Amino acid sequence: MQILFLILMFIIGAILGSFLCCQVRRMHGKESDAHRYPRRSICMHCKKQLKWYDNIPIVSWLLLGGKCRKCHKKIGYAEIFSELGLAITFLSLGTYFLTINDSSMAPDLLANFPTIDAMKWVIFATVLLLILSLAFLAIYDGLYGELPTFMLIVAAIIAIVLAILEAWPEFTFMPILSALLFGGIYLILYLVSKGQWVGDGDWILAASIGLALGHPWLSMVALFIANLSACIIMFPTYKKKGNHQIYFGPFLVFAFIVTYVFSDFFISMI
């Protein structure tokens, strides 16, 4: 049962990754050239409507070699990164969720599905909703260098709900301190650089992530992971093109996922 659950999580993640990438392009297209983004998926080069078998997440992209079946132009990497990234994320979160709720799950995936109370399922669903909103922001920022205000607000609201659920019925200032620390650092970077180092939405995203992580130490871990991954990935581009601005959205989201999934390990370090 647990194996089926994890397989389902992977498949759902891949499907939602494809859906989010499509919606990001459509949302941006509405602001610039809406007629290029119809309801049905098309190739952005030859405008051919894609068949259902060319829309299978991950599989179709790999079979087609990342190219359109008709015009053979490159589709791009945003789709495969979104699909595979969210699939792996959902799989990781599913594994983490089962592990923390049933210690017997780790050595025996074929054991009976664990009995988990309703609140744990609510928290799990809230985490998935937060991941979807963060993934949307990461894709949008990665493609267009922007963080839509509306989705930032959605992510912040979900992070608040998650922080309340995680602490219920007790009250703690830890999530608030975590949000102030993580968001404050990026706000200072934004103000000092006058928007040259980080964007005006990065500090809001960081504050939401800090709130969801719920502990200042985890915020520091996420800060380290976000900046380290940004340096590793973007340094070749920075050196070659002299690009001084880095879109931190994807790296902040990546850092949140890693920190949240391995939060028990990181907390054990203090």
C-alpha atoms as a PDB file:
ATOM      1  CA  MET A   1       0.000   0.000   0.000  1.00  0.00           C
ATOM      2  CA  GLN A   2       2.819   2.389   0.826  1.00  0.00           C
ATOM      3  CA  ILE A   3       4.575   1.592  -2.462  1.00  0.00           C
ATOM      4  CA  LEU A   4       1.396   2.436  -4.372  1.00  0.00           C
ATOM      5  CA  PHE A   5       1.031   5.645  -2.373  1.00  0.00           C
ATOM      6  CA  LEU A   6       4.566   6.761  -3.267  1.00  0.00           C
ATOM      7  CA  ILE A   7       4.126   5.847  -6.946  1.00  0.00           C
ATOM      8  CA  LEU A   8       0.903   7.840  -6.981  1.00  0.00           C
ATOM      9  CA  MET A   9       2.676  10.797  -5.375  1.00  0.00           C
ATOM     10  CA  PHE A  10       5.348  10.719  -8.101  1.00  0.00           C
ATOM     11  CA  ILE A  11       2.753  10.580 -10.891  1.00  0.00           C
ATOM     12  CA  ILE A  12       0.615  13.354  -9.397  1.00  0.00           C
ATOM     13  CA  GLY A  13       3.719  15.515  -8.944  1.00  0.00           C
ATOM     14  CA  ALA A  14       4.699  15.054 -12.589  1.00  0.00           C
ATOM     15  CA  ILE A  15       1.183  15.897 -13.795  1.00  0.00           C
ATOM     16  CA  LEU A  16       0.969  19.004 -11.615  1.00  0.00           C
ATOM     17  CA  GLY A  17       4.462  20.070 -12.689  1.00  0.00           C
ATOM     18  CA  SER A  18       3.335  19.984 -16.316  1.00  0.00           C
ATOM     19  CA  PHE A  19       0.118  21.811 -15.448  1.00  0.00           C
ATOM     20  CA  LEU A  20       1.895  24.556 -13.481  1.00  0.00           C
ATOM     21  CA  CYS A  21       4.439  25.191 -16.237  1.00  0.00           C
ATOM     22  CA  CYS A  22       1.611  25.506 -18.749  1.00  0.00           C
ATOM     23  CA  GLN A  23      -0.324  27.884 -16.493  1.00  0.00           C
ATOM     24  CA  VAL A  24       2.755  30.039 -15.908  1.00  0.00           C
ATOM     25  CA  ARG A  25       3.194  30.495 -19.662  1.00  0.00           C
ATOM     26  CA  ARG A  26      -0.500  31.251 -20.096  1.00  0.00           C
ATOM     27  CA  MET A  27      -0.554  33.732 -17.222  1.00  0.00           C
ATOM     28  CA  HIS A  28       2.447  35.576 -18.624  1.00  0.00           C
ATOM     29  CA  GLY A  29       0.984  35.358 -22.130  1.00  0.00           C
ATOM     30  CA  LYS A  30      -2.193  37.108 -21.015  1.00  0.00           C
ATOM     31  CA  GLU A  31      -0.074  40.118 -20.146  1.00  0.00           C
ATOM     32  CA  SER A  32       1.724  40.213 -23.487  1.00  0.00           C
ATOM     33  CA  ASP A  33       0.341  38.087 -26.316  1.00  0.00           C
ATOM     34  CA  ALA A  34      -2.682  36.161 -25.145  1.00  0.00           C
ATOM     35  CA  HIS A  35      -3.644  34.649 -28.505  1.00  0.00           C
ATOM     36  CA  ARG A  36      -0.434  32.590 -28.475  1.00  0.00           C
ATOM     37  CA  TYR A  37      -1.658  30.678 -25.412  1.00  0.00           C
ATOM     38  CA  PRO A  38      -4.933  28.880 -26.225  1.00  0.00           C
ATOM     39  CA  ARG A  39      -6.629  26.427 -23.898  1.00  0.00           C
ATOM     40  CA  ARG A  40      -5.160  23.392 -25.665  1.00  0.00           C
ATOM     41  CA  SER A  41      -1.393  22.877 -25.607  1.00  0.00           C
ATOM     42  CA  ILE A  42       0.442  23.828 -28.790  1.00  0.00           C
ATOM     43  CA  CYS A  43       4.012  24.058 -30.021  1.00  0.00           C
ATOM     44  CA  MET A  44       5.134  27.644 -29.548  1.00  0.00           C
ATOM     45  CA  HIS A  45       7.112  27.485 -32.816  1.00  0.00           C
ATOM     46  CA  CYS A  46       4.843  25.871 -35.431  1.00  0.00           C
ATOM     47  CA  LYS A  47       1.569  26.393 -33.481  1.00  0.00           C
ATOM     48  CA  LYS A  48       0.581  22.735 -33.987  1.00  0.00           C
ATOM     49  CA  GLN A  49      -1.859  21.455 -31.382  1.00  0.00           C
ATOM     50  CA  LEU A  50      -0.253  18.673 -29.412  1.00  0.00           C
ATOM     51  CA  LYS A  51      -1.764  15.197 -29.327  1.00  0.00           C
ATOM     52  CA  TRP A  52      -2.511  13.549 -25.989  1.00  0.00           C
ATOM     53  CA  TYR A  53       0.465  11.200 -26.360  1.00  0.00           C
ATOM     54  CA  ASP A  54       2.763  14.203 -26.720  1.00  0.00           C
ATOM     55  CA  ASN A  55       1.469  15.595 -23.431  1.00  0.00           C
ATOM     56  CA  ILE A  56       2.419  12.733 -21.122  1.00  0.00           C
ATOM     57  CA  PRO A  57       4.567  14.298 -18.363  1.00  0.00           C
ATOM     58  CA  ILE A  58       8.281  13.380 -18.475  1.00  0.00           C
ATOM     59  CA  VAL A  59       7.715  10.437 -20.866  1.00  0.00           C
ATOM     60  CA  SER A  60       6.744  12.496 -23.930  1.00  0.00           C
ATOM     61  CA  TRP A  61       9.594  14.954 -23.466  1.00  0.00           C
ATOM     62  CA  LEU A  62      12.147  12.140 -23.214  1.00  0.00           C
ATOM     63  CA  LEU A  63      10.748  10.175 -26.167  1.00  0.00           C
ATOM     64  CA  LEU A  64      10.719  13.293 -28.357  1.00  0.00           C
ATOM     65  CA  GLY A  65      14.180  14.350 -27.209  1.00  0.00           C
ATOM     66  CA  GLY A  66      12.815  17.693 -26.039  1.00  0.00           C
ATOM     67  CA  LYS A  67      11.666  18.629 -29.556  1.00  0.00           C
ATOM     68  CA  CYS A  68       8.368  19.172 -31.334  1.00  0.00           C
ATOM     69  CA  ARG A  69       7.203  16.128 -33.294  1.00  0.00           C
ATOM     70  CA  LYS A  70       6.283  18.270 -36.336  1.00  0.00           C
ATOM     71  CA  CYS A  71       8.813  21.102 -36.654  1.00  0.00           C
ATOM     72  CA  HIS A  72      11.586  19.489 -34.556  1.00  0.00           C
ATOM     73  CA  LYS A  73      12.300  22.765 -32.772  1.00  0.00           C
ATOM     74  CA  LYS A  74      13.434  22.505 -29.155  1.00  0.00           C
ATOM     75  CA  ILE A  75      10.628  22.621 -26.618  1.00  0.00           C
ATOM     76  CA  GLY A  76      12.895  23.873 -23.848  1.00  0.00           C
ATOM     77  CA  TYR A  77      13.911  22.576 -20.449  1.00  0.00           C
ATOM     78  CA  ALA A  78      11.334  24.347 -18.288  1.00  0.00           C
ATOM     79  CA  GLU A  79       8.770  21.590 -18.874  1.00  0.00           C
ATOM     80  CA  ILE A  80      10.976  18.625 -18.021  1.00  0.00           C
ATOM     81  CA  PHE A  81      12.498  20.403 -15.014  1.00  0.00           C
ATOM     82  CA  SER A  82       9.027  21.304 -13.726  1.00  0.00           C
ATOM     83  CA  GLU A  83       7.607  17.826 -14.252  1.00  0.00           C
ATOM     84  CA  LEU A  84      10.556  15.888 -12.915  1.00  0.00           C
ATOM     85  CA  GLY A  85      11.247  18.368 -10.127  1.00  0.00           C
ATOM     86  CA  LEU A  86       7.721  18.320  -8.739  1.00  0.00           C
ATOM     87  CA  ALA A  87       7.481  14.542  -9.176  1.00  0.00           C
ATOM     88  CA  ILE A  88      10.616  14.027  -7.080  1.00  0.00           C
ATOM     89  CA  THR A  89       9.404  16.623  -4.565  1.00  0.00           C
ATOM     90  CA  PHE A  90       6.036  14.903  -4.093  1.00  0.00           C
ATOM     91  CA  LEU A  91       7.782  11.541  -3.788  1.00  0.00           C
ATOM     92  CA  SER A  92      10.175  12.936  -1.172  1.00  0.00           C
ATOM     93  CA  LEU A  93       7.372  14.570   0.814  1.00  0.00           C
ATOM     94  CA  GLY A  94       5.326  11.375   0.673  1.00  0.00           C
ATOM     95  CA  THR A  95       8.261   9.357   1.977  1.00  0.00           C
ATOM     96  CA  TYR A  96       8.942  11.912   4.710  1.00  0.00           C
ATOM     97  CA  PHE A  97       5.282  11.986   5.723  1.00  0.00           C
ATOM     98  CA  LEU A  98       5.071   8.214   6.054  1.00  0.00           C
ATOM     99  CA  THR A  99       8.396   7.971   7.856  1.00  0.00           C
ATOM    100  CA  ILE A 100       7.590  10.500  10.580  1.00  0.00           C
ATOM    101  CA  ASN A 101       4.205   8.875  11.186  1.00  0.00           C
ATOM    102  CA  ASP A 102       5.328   5.245  11.228  1.00  0.00           C
ATOM    103  CA  SER A 103       8.804   4.249  12.315  1.00  0.00           C
ATOM    104  CA  SER A 104       8.280   0.786  10.814  1.00  0.00           C
ATOM    105  CA  MET A 105       7.897   2.268   7.349  1.00  0.00           C
ATOM    106  CA  ALA A 106      11.607   2.859   6.759  1.00  0.00           C
ATOM    107  CA  PRO A 107      12.770  -0.778   6.851  1.00  0.00           C
ATOM    108  CA  ASP A 108       9.590  -2.264   5.381  1.00  0.00           C
ATOM    109  CA  LEU A 109       7.760  -0.384   2.638  1.00  0.00           C
ATOM    110  CA  LEU A 110       5.404  -3.324   2.169  1.00  0.00           C
ATOM    111  CA  ALA A 111       4.054  -3.064   5.717  1.00  0.00           C
ATOM    112  CA  ASN A 112       0.433  -2.166   6.256  1.00  0.00           C
ATOM    113  CA  PHE A 113      -0.365   1.448   5.510  1.00  0.00           C
ATOM    114  CA  PRO A 114       0.132   3.410   8.760  1.00  0.00           C
ATOM    115  CA  THR A 115      -2.814   4.689  10.728  1.00  0.00           C
ATOM    116  CA  ILE A 116      -2.451   8.462  10.679  1.00  0.00           C
ATOM    117  CA  ASP A 117      -4.801  10.848  12.466  1.00  0.00           C
ATOM    118  CA  ALA A 118      -6.816  13.442  10.596  1.00  0.00           C
ATOM    119  CA  MET A 119      -4.689  16.413  11.682  1.00  0.00           C
ATOM    120  CA  LYS A 120      -1.550  14.852  10.167  1.00  0.00           C
ATOM    121  CA  TRP A 121      -3.357  14.440   6.857  1.00  0.00           C
ATOM    122  CA  VAL A 122      -4.510  18.070   6.996  1.00  0.00           C
ATOM    123  CA  ILE A 123      -0.925  19.208   7.612  1.00  0.00           C
ATOM    124  CA  PHE A 124       0.301  17.028   4.752  1.00  0.00           C
ATOM    125  CA  ALA A 125      -2.314  18.461   2.378  1.00  0.00           C
ATOM    126  CA  THR A 126      -1.370  21.992   3.451  1.00  0.00           C
ATOM    127  CA  VAL A 127       2.309  21.295   2.772  1.00  0.00           C
ATOM    128  CA  LEU A 128       1.427  20.063  -0.725  1.00  0.00           C
ATOM    129  CA  LEU A 129      -0.631  23.203  -1.389  1.00  0.00           C
ATOM    130  CA  LEU A 130       2.301  25.326  -0.237  1.00  0.00           C
ATOM    131  CA  ILE A 131       4.647  23.401  -2.510  1.00  0.00           C
ATOM    132  CA  LEU A 132       2.360  24.002  -5.479  1.00  0.00           C
ATOM    133  CA  SER A 133       2.245  27.744  -4.845  1.00  0.00           C
ATOM    134  CA  LEU A 134       6.017  27.857  -4.357  1.00  0.00           C
ATOM    135  CA  ALA A 135       6.587  25.768  -7.491  1.00  0.00           C
ATOM    136  CA  PHE A 136       4.468  28.209  -9.494  1.00  0.00           C
ATOM    137  CA  LEU A 137       6.606  31.074  -8.203  1.00  0.00           C
ATOM    138  CA  ALA A 138       9.837  29.204  -8.915  1.00  0.00           C
ATOM    139  CA  ILE A 139       8.822  28.434 -12.512  1.00  0.00           C
ATOM    140  CA  TYR A 140       7.595  31.979 -13.133  1.00  0.00           C
ATOM    141  CA  ASP A 141      10.733  33.539 -11.689  1.00  0.00           C
ATOM    142  CA  GLY A 142      12.961  31.105 -13.565  1.00  0.00           C
ATOM    143  CA  LEU A 143      11.302  31.864 -16.909  1.00  0.00           C
ATOM    144  CA  TYR A 144      10.548  35.583 -16.627  1.00  0.00           C
ATOM    145  CA  GLY A 145      12.507  36.923 -13.644  1.00  0.00           C
ATOM    146  CA  GLU A 146       9.345  37.983 -11.823  1.00  0.00           C
ATOM    147  CA  LEU A 147       7.362  36.909  -8.768  1.00  0.00           C
ATOM    148  CA  PRO A 148       3.607  37.581  -9.228  1.00  0.00           C
ATOM    149  CA  THR A 149       2.209  39.458  -6.242  1.00  0.00           C
ATOM    150  CA  PHE A 150      -0.998  37.446  -6.168  1.00  0.00           C
ATOM    151  CA  MET A 151       0.818  34.117  -5.851  1.00  0.00           C
ATOM    152  CA  LEU A 152       3.185  35.558  -3.233  1.00  0.00           C
ATOM    153  CA  ILE A 153       0.124  36.428  -1.153  1.00  0.00           C
ATOM    154  CA  VAL A 154      -1.321  32.935  -1.668  1.00  0.00           C
ATOM    155  CA  ALA A 155       1.951  31.324  -0.571  1.00  0.00           C
ATOM    156  CA  ALA A 156       2.149  33.582   2.485  1.00  0.00           C
ATOM    157  CA  ILE A 157      -1.414  32.715   3.546  1.00  0.00           C
ATOM    158  CA  ILE A 158      -0.787  28.982   3.169  1.00  0.00           C
ATOM    159  CA  ALA A 159       2.480  29.326   5.138  1.00  0.00           C
ATOM    160  CA  ILE A 160       0.576  31.044   7.959  1.00  0.00           C
ATOM    161  CA  VAL A 161      -2.004  28.248   8.013  1.00  0.00           C
ATOM    162  CA  LEU A 162       0.749  25.619   8.039  1.00  0.00           C
ATOM    163  CA  ALA A 163       2.561  27.328  10.921  1.00  0.00           C
ATOM    164  CA  ILE A 164      -0.667  27.402  12.944  1.00  0.00           C
ATOM    165  CA  LEU A 165      -1.441  23.740  12.214  1.00  0.00           C
ATOM    166  CA  GLU A 166       2.096  22.611  13.063  1.00  0.00           C
ATOM    167  CA  ALA A 167       2.005  24.397  16.433  1.00  0.00           C
ATOM    168  CA  TRP A 168      -1.613  23.640  17.346  1.00  0.00           C
ATOM    169  CA  PRO A 169      -2.878  23.787  20.093  1.00  0.00           C
ATOM    170  CA  GLU A 170       0.167  25.546  21.541  1.00  0.00           C
ATOM    171  CA  PHE A 171       1.494  28.963  20.539  1.00  0.00           C
ATOM    172  CA  THR A 172       5.135  29.668  19.861  1.00  0.00           C
ATOM    173  CA  PHE A 173       7.082  32.630  18.518  1.00  0.00           C
ATOM    174  CA  MET A 174       9.562  30.378  16.704  1.00  0.00           C
ATOM    175  CA  PRO A 175       7.811  30.530  13.282  1.00  0.00           C
ATOM    176  CA  ILE A 176       7.550  34.322  13.563  1.00  0.00           C
ATOM    177  CA  LEU A 177      11.238  34.647  14.459  1.00  0.00           C
ATOM    178  CA  SER A 178      12.096  32.310  11.620  1.00  0.00           C
ATOM    179  CA  ALA A 179      10.106  34.418   9.140  1.00  0.00           C
ATOM    180  CA  LEU A 180      11.614  37.689  10.412  1.00  0.00           C
ATOM    181  CA  LEU A 181      15.126  36.281  10.200  1.00  0.00           C
ATOM    182  CA  PHE A 182      14.895  34.767   6.724  1.00  0.00           C
ATOM    183  CA  GLY A 183      12.749  37.500   5.213  1.00  0.00           C
ATOM    184  CA  GLY A 184      14.681  40.242   6.996  1.00  0.00           C
ATOM    185  CA  ILE A 185      18.012  39.191   5.528  1.00  0.00           C
ATOM    186  CA  TYR A 186      16.656  39.334   1.984  1.00  0.00           C
ATOM    187  CA  LEU A 187      14.862  42.610   2.687  1.00  0.00           C
ATOM    188  CA  ILE A 188      18.161  44.148   3.838  1.00  0.00           C
ATOM    189  CA  LEU A 189      19.898  42.837   0.710  1.00  0.00           C
ATOM    190  CA  TYR A 190      17.154  44.344  -1.414  1.00  0.00           C
ATOM    191  CA  LEU A 191      17.311  47.751   0.295  1.00  0.00           C
ATOM    192  CA  VAL A 192      21.110  47.967   0.386  1.00  0.00           C
ATOM    193  CA  SER A 193      21.500  46.995  -3.275  1.00  0.00           C
ATOM    194  CA  LYS A 194      18.417  48.968  -4.354  1.00  0.00           C
ATOM    195  CA  GLY A 195      17.067  45.849  -6.044  1.00  0.00           C
ATOM    196  CA  GLN A 196      20.289  44.918  -7.828  1.00  0.00           C
ATOM    197  CA  TRP A 197      21.117  41.792  -5.799  1.00  0.00           C
ATOM    198  CA  VAL A 198      17.645  40.418  -5.132  1.00  0.00           C
ATOM    199  CA  GLY A 199      14.166  41.271  -6.362  1.00  0.00           C
ATOM    200  CA  ASP A 200      11.452  43.064  -4.412  1.00  0.00           C
ATOM    201  CA  GLY A 201       9.470  39.845  -4.008  1.00  0.00           C
ATOM    202  CA  ASP A 202      12.304  37.655  -2.768  1.00  0.00           C
ATOM    203  CA  TRP A 203      12.061  38.848   0.822  1.00  0.00           C
ATOM    204  CA  ILE A 204       8.325  38.075   0.922  1.00  0.00           C
ATOM    205  CA  LEU A 205       8.995  34.608  -0.459  1.00  0.00           C
ATOM    206  CA  ALA A 206      11.810  34.085   2.048  1.00  0.00           C
ATOM    207  CA  ALA A 207       9.592  35.227   4.936  1.00  0.00           C
ATOM    208  CA  SER A 208       6.875  32.760   3.890  1.00  0.00           C
ATOM    209  CA  ILE A 209       9.411  29.950   3.683  1.00  0.00           C
ATOM    210  CA  GLY A 210      10.830  30.865   7.091  1.00  0.00           C
ATOM    211  CA  LEU A 211       7.340  30.831   8.562  1.00  0.00           C
ATOM    212  CA  ALA A 212       6.620  27.404   7.074  1.00  0.00           C
ATOM    213  CA  LEU A 213       9.914  25.969   8.328  1.00  0.00           C
ATOM    214  CA  GLY A 214       9.002  27.166  11.803  1.00  0.00           C
ATOM    215  CA  HIS A 215      12.475  27.431  13.338  1.00  0.00           C
ATOM    216  CA  PRO A 216      15.232  30.085  12.992  1.00  0.00           C
ATOM    217  CA  TRP A 217      17.915  27.395  12.672  1.00  0.00           C
ATOM    218  CA  LEU A 218      16.085  25.799   9.753  1.00  0.00           C
ATOM    219  CA  SER A 219      15.846  29.244   8.146  1.00  0.00           C
ATOM    220  CA  MET A 220      19.622  29.582   8.399  1.00  0.00           C
ATOM    221  CA  VAL A 221      20.055  26.160   6.818  1.00  0.00           C
ATOM    222  CA  ALA A 222      17.688  27.103   3.995  1.00  0.00           C
ATOM    223  CA  LEU A 223      19.525  30.410   3.536  1.00  0.00           C
ATOM    224  CA  PHE A 224      22.828  28.559   3.187  1.00  0.00           C
ATOM    225  CA  ILE A 225      21.400  26.003   0.743  1.00  0.00           C
ATOM    226  CA  ALA A 226      19.694  28.687  -1.369  1.00  0.00           C
ATOM    227  CA  ASN A 227      22.812  30.817  -1.720  1.00  0.00           C
ATOM    228  CA  LEU A 228      25.165  27.881  -2.212  1.00  0.00           C
ATOM    229  CA  SER A 229      22.997  26.357  -4.950  1.00  0.00           C
ATOM    230  CA  ALA A 230      22.615  29.776  -6.616  1.00  0.00           C
ATOM    231  CA  CYS A 231      26.384  30.254  -6.642  1.00  0.00           C
ATOM    232  CA  ILE A 232      27.025  26.798  -8.080  1.00  0.00           C
ATOM    233  CA  ILE A 233      24.390  27.038 -10.807  1.00  0.00           C
ATOM    234  CA  MET A 234      24.711  30.701 -11.747  1.00  0.00           C
ATOM    235  CA  PHE A 235      28.459  31.299 -11.442  1.00  0.00           C
ATOM    236  CA  PRO A 236      29.267  30.101 -14.999  1.00  0.00           C
ATOM    237  CA  THR A 237      26.580  32.425 -16.405  1.00  0.00           C
ATOM    238  CA  TYR A 238      27.681  35.281 -14.162  1.00  0.00           C
ATOM    239  CA  LYS A 239      31.299  34.892 -15.257  1.00  0.00           C
ATOM    240  CA  LYS A 240      30.516  34.500 -18.945  1.00  0.00           C
ATOM    241  CA  LYS A 241      27.828  37.129 -19.441  1.00  0.00           C
ATOM    242  CA  GLY A 242      28.564  39.463 -16.564  1.00  0.00           C
ATOM    243  CA  ASN A 243      25.002  39.081 -15.317  1.00  0.00           C
ATOM    244  CA  HIS A 244      24.910  40.658 -11.851  1.00  0.00           C
ATOM    245  CA  GLN A 245      21.283  39.821 -11.086  1.00  0.00           C
ATOM    246  CA  ILE A 246      20.236  36.354  -9.945  1.00  0.00           C
ATOM    247  CA  TYR A 247      16.626  35.260  -9.823  1.00  0.00           C
ATOM    248  CA  PHE A 248      16.524  33.674  -6.382  1.00  0.00           C
ATOM    249  CA  GLY A 249      12.974  32.293  -6.517  1.00  0.00           C
ATOM    250  CA  PRO A 250      13.876  28.789  -7.775  1.00  0.00           C
ATOM    251  CA  PHE A 251      16.780  28.504  -5.327  1.00  0.00           C
ATOM    252  CA  LEU A 252      14.686  29.599  -2.351  1.00  0.00           C
ATOM    253  CA  VAL A 253      12.031  27.015  -3.206  1.00  0.00           C
ATOM    254  CA  PHE A 254      14.665  24.309  -3.696  1.00  0.00           C
ATOM    255  CA  ALA A 255      16.191  25.200  -0.331  1.00  0.00           C
ATOM    256  CA  PHE A 256      12.793  24.993   1.369  1.00  0.00           C
ATOM    257  CA  ILE A 257      12.101  21.523  -0.024  1.00  0.00           C
ATOM    258  CA  VAL A 258      15.488  20.141   1.012  1.00  0.00           C
ATOM    259  CA  THR A 259      15.347  21.742   4.458  1.00  0.00           C
ATOM    260  CA  TYR A 260      11.771  20.637   5.137  1.00  0.00           C
ATOM    261  CA  VAL A 261      12.292  17.025   4.055  1.00  0.00           C
ATOM    262  CA  PHE A 262      15.490  16.714   6.122  1.00  0.00           C
ATOM    263  CA  SER A 263      14.325  18.987   8.950  1.00  0.00           C
ATOM    264  CA  ASP A 264      14.710  16.275  11.594  1.00  0.00           C
ATOM    265  CA  PHE A 265      18.337  15.777  10.601  1.00  0.00           C
ATOM    266  CA  PHE A 266      19.114  19.488  10.638  1.00  0.00           C
ATOM    267  CA  ILE A 267      17.368  20.003  13.989  1.00  0.00           C
ATOM    268  CA  SER A 268      19.419  17.145  15.473  1.00  0.00           C
ATOM    269  CA  MET A 269      22.577  19.132  14.692  1.00  0.00           C
ATOM    270  CA  ILE A 270      21.801  21.776  17.353  1.00  0.00           C
END
